[in-house]
Protein backbone atom coordinates (compact mmCIF):
# COMPACT_ATOMS: atom_id res chain seq x y z
CA UNK A 1 0.00 0.00 0.00
CA UNK A 2 1.31 3.41 -1.00
CA UNK A 3 0.47 6.13 1.54
CA UNK A 4 -0.01 9.79 0.77
CA UNK A 5 3.07 11.91 1.46
CA UNK A 6 3.67 13.09 5.01
CA UNK A 7 2.98 16.71 4.00
CA UNK A 8 -0.34 15.71 2.41
CA UNK A 9 -1.38 13.76 5.51
CA UNK A 10 -0.42 16.58 7.89
CA UNK A 11 -2.26 19.19 5.81
CA UNK A 12 -5.30 16.90 5.56
CA UNK A 13 -5.65 16.15 9.28
CA UNK A 14 -4.68 19.62 10.47
CA UNK A 15 -7.25 21.04 8.04
CA UNK A 16 -9.87 18.62 9.38
CA UNK A 17 -9.25 19.66 12.98
CA UNK A 18 -9.23 23.36 12.11
CA UNK A 19 -12.37 23.15 9.97
CA UNK A 20 -14.27 21.46 12.80
CA UNK A 21 -13.00 24.07 15.26
CA UNK A 22 -13.93 26.88 12.88
CA UNK A 23 -17.46 25.56 12.44
CA UNK A 24 -18.05 25.02 16.16
CA UNK A 25 -16.45 28.33 17.17
CA UNK A 26 -18.44 30.18 14.50
CA UNK A 27 -21.63 28.58 15.76
CA UNK A 28 -20.96 29.65 19.36
CA UNK A 29 -19.38 32.99 18.50
CA UNK A 30 -22.57 34.52 17.16
CA UNK A 31 -24.45 33.56 20.34
CA UNK A 32 -22.00 35.15 22.80
CA UNK A 33 -23.18 38.15 24.77
CA UNK A 34 -20.98 41.06 25.77
CA UNK A 35 -20.45 39.73 29.29
CA UNK A 36 -19.20 36.32 28.23
CA UNK A 37 -15.52 35.68 29.01
CA UNK A 38 -15.24 34.36 25.43
CA UNK A 39 -16.73 37.49 23.82
CA UNK A 40 -13.32 38.77 22.60
CA UNK A 41 -11.22 35.61 22.81
CA UNK A 42 -13.29 33.23 20.66
CA UNK A 43 -13.54 35.56 17.63
CA UNK A 44 -9.79 36.18 17.81
CA UNK A 45 -9.12 32.41 17.82
CA UNK A 46 -11.62 31.98 14.98
CA UNK A 47 -9.83 34.64 12.91
CA UNK A 48 -6.36 33.26 13.68
CA UNK A 49 -7.29 29.67 12.87
CA UNK A 50 -9.06 30.89 9.74
CA UNK A 51 -5.79 32.45 8.60
CA UNK A 52 -4.04 29.15 9.36
CA UNK A 53 -6.62 27.34 7.19
CA UNK A 54 -5.88 29.87 4.45
CA UNK A 55 -2.14 29.16 4.66
CA UNK A 56 -2.65 25.38 4.72
CA UNK A 57 -4.94 25.48 1.70
CA UNK A 58 -2.53 27.74 -0.18
CA UNK A 59 0.12 25.06 0.41
CA UNK A 60 -2.38 22.43 -0.72
CA UNK A 61 -3.30 24.35 -3.89
CA UNK A 62 0.34 25.08 -4.76
CA UNK A 63 1.23 21.40 -4.27
CA UNK A 64 -1.74 20.38 -6.43
CA UNK A 65 -0.88 22.82 -9.23
CA UNK A 66 2.82 21.87 -9.23
CA UNK A 67 2.09 18.15 -9.26
CA UNK A 68 3.57 17.54 -5.81
CA UNK A 69 0.28 16.33 -4.36
CA UNK A 70 -0.28 12.96 -5.95
CA UNK A 71 -3.69 11.43 -6.25
CA UNK A 72 -3.78 7.82 -5.23
CA UNK A 73 -6.79 6.14 -6.72
CA UNK A 74 -8.17 2.85 -5.60
CA UNK A 75 -10.05 0.83 -8.18
CA UNK A 76 -13.39 2.61 -8.06
CA UNK A 77 -16.44 2.80 -10.27
CA UNK A 78 -16.62 5.64 -12.81
CA UNK A 79 -19.54 7.37 -11.03
CA UNK A 80 -17.59 7.25 -7.74
CA UNK A 81 -14.60 8.86 -9.43
CA UNK A 82 -16.82 11.64 -10.83
CA UNK A 83 -18.49 12.14 -7.44
CA UNK A 84 -15.07 12.23 -5.79
CA UNK A 85 -13.77 14.88 -8.21
CA UNK A 86 -16.90 17.03 -7.83
CA UNK A 87 -16.73 16.79 -4.04
CA UNK A 88 -13.04 17.69 -4.04
CA UNK A 89 -13.64 20.66 -6.33
CA UNK A 90 -16.47 21.88 -4.11
CA UNK A 91 -14.24 21.54 -1.03
CA UNK A 92 -11.79 23.93 -2.67
CA UNK A 93 -14.55 26.33 -3.75
CA UNK A 94 -16.13 26.46 -0.30
CA UNK A 95 -12.85 26.72 1.63
CA UNK A 96 -11.68 29.56 -0.62
CA UNK A 97 -15.08 31.26 -0.30
CA UNK A 98 -15.14 30.94 3.49
CA UNK A 99 -11.57 32.14 3.96
CA UNK A 100 -12.10 35.06 1.58
CA UNK A 101 -15.41 36.22 3.08
CA UNK A 102 -14.05 35.75 6.60
CA UNK A 103 -10.97 37.84 5.85
CA UNK A 104 -12.97 40.56 4.11
CA UNK A 105 -15.51 40.76 6.95
CA UNK A 106 -12.73 40.81 9.53
CA UNK A 107 -11.14 43.85 7.85
CA UNK A 108 -14.38 45.38 6.47
CA UNK A 109 -13.95 48.65 8.36
CA UNK A 110 -10.89 49.41 6.25
CA UNK A 111 -8.46 48.94 9.11
CA UNK A 112 -5.88 46.23 9.64
CA UNK A 113 -6.85 43.45 12.03
CA UNK A 114 -4.36 42.75 14.80
CA UNK A 115 -4.37 39.21 16.17
CA UNK A 116 -2.89 38.43 19.58
CA UNK A 117 -1.37 41.94 19.61
CA UNK A 118 1.24 40.53 17.25
CA UNK A 119 0.01 39.73 13.74
CA UNK A 120 -1.16 42.59 11.53
CA UNK A 121 -3.53 41.62 8.73
CA UNK A 122 -3.98 44.44 6.23
CA UNK A 123 -7.40 45.59 5.08
CA UNK A 124 -7.90 45.39 1.33
CA UNK A 125 -10.77 47.85 1.22
CA UNK A 126 -13.73 49.15 3.20
CA UNK A 127 -17.23 47.71 2.79
CA UNK A 128 -20.71 49.01 3.50
CA UNK A 129 -22.87 47.33 6.12
CA UNK A 130 -25.06 45.81 3.42
CA UNK A 131 -22.05 44.19 1.72
CA UNK A 132 -20.79 42.89 5.06
CA UNK A 133 -24.23 41.44 5.79
CA UNK A 134 -24.20 39.66 2.41
CA UNK A 135 -20.70 38.30 3.05
CA UNK A 136 -21.85 37.14 6.48
CA UNK A 137 -24.75 35.28 4.92
CA UNK A 138 -22.45 33.64 2.34
CA UNK A 139 -19.96 32.79 5.10
CA UNK A 140 -22.59 31.26 7.39
CA UNK A 141 -24.45 29.18 4.81
CA UNK A 142 -21.22 28.30 3.02
CA UNK A 143 -20.01 26.80 6.31
CA UNK A 144 -23.18 24.71 6.58
CA UNK A 145 -22.74 23.45 3.03
CA UNK A 146 -19.05 22.74 3.66
CA UNK A 147 -20.00 20.61 6.66
CA UNK A 148 -22.37 18.67 4.42
CA UNK A 149 -19.44 17.90 2.12
CA UNK A 150 -17.30 16.97 5.14
CA UNK A 151 -20.00 14.48 6.13
CA UNK A 152 -20.07 13.06 2.58
CA UNK A 153 -16.27 12.81 2.66
CA UNK A 154 -16.35 10.90 5.96
CA UNK A 155 -19.14 8.60 4.74
CA UNK A 156 -17.15 7.90 1.56
CA UNK A 157 -14.01 7.09 3.55
CA UNK A 158 -15.94 4.75 5.84
CA UNK A 159 -17.63 3.10 2.85
CA UNK A 160 -14.22 2.40 1.29
CA UNK A 161 -12.89 1.02 4.55
CA UNK A 162 -15.81 -1.11 5.77
CA UNK A 163 -17.78 -2.02 2.64
CA UNK A 164 -15.22 -1.98 -0.19
CA UNK A 165 -12.45 -3.08 2.20
CA UNK A 166 -9.81 -1.15 0.26
CA UNK A 167 -6.87 0.92 1.55
CA UNK A 168 -8.31 4.37 0.84
CA UNK A 169 -8.64 5.35 4.50
CA UNK A 170 -5.36 3.71 5.53
CA UNK A 171 -3.45 5.75 2.95
CA UNK A 172 -4.32 9.04 4.65
CA UNK A 173 -3.69 7.80 8.22
């Protein structure tokens, strides 16, 4: 059995952990009231981990475009291969959309965002409240849709492991 490269496996599992954290923190973040001890801390962690997701996926995209990220294909049916490619493409689309809308909302006032009093993220432009609301809607519902694709990805991995009894899951572990 040929495993994915160490870099691919690290990016995959670190992305998985971060995406779950981002979804859960985003869910709770919007419900926090001003007096919560997490009112300032959780959004800052959400922003910082979002930037880490952006960096990881930039690495992933660069590796994919330069041919360094190999695709290992088990013997699968043609419709499964098509479904797999569509799901992978949509992962990229939704991650890029979420990272972009998150960054733009975070800096929407036209001022740099400072994380942990250390990292300065420049603002690209300033947006009206209506545009920020639209980006927030895209960000929120895009996250829900992304989690649907995460669930499909997990179901597919478990199907390969328990029903097809192939090495698909073992290759990424």
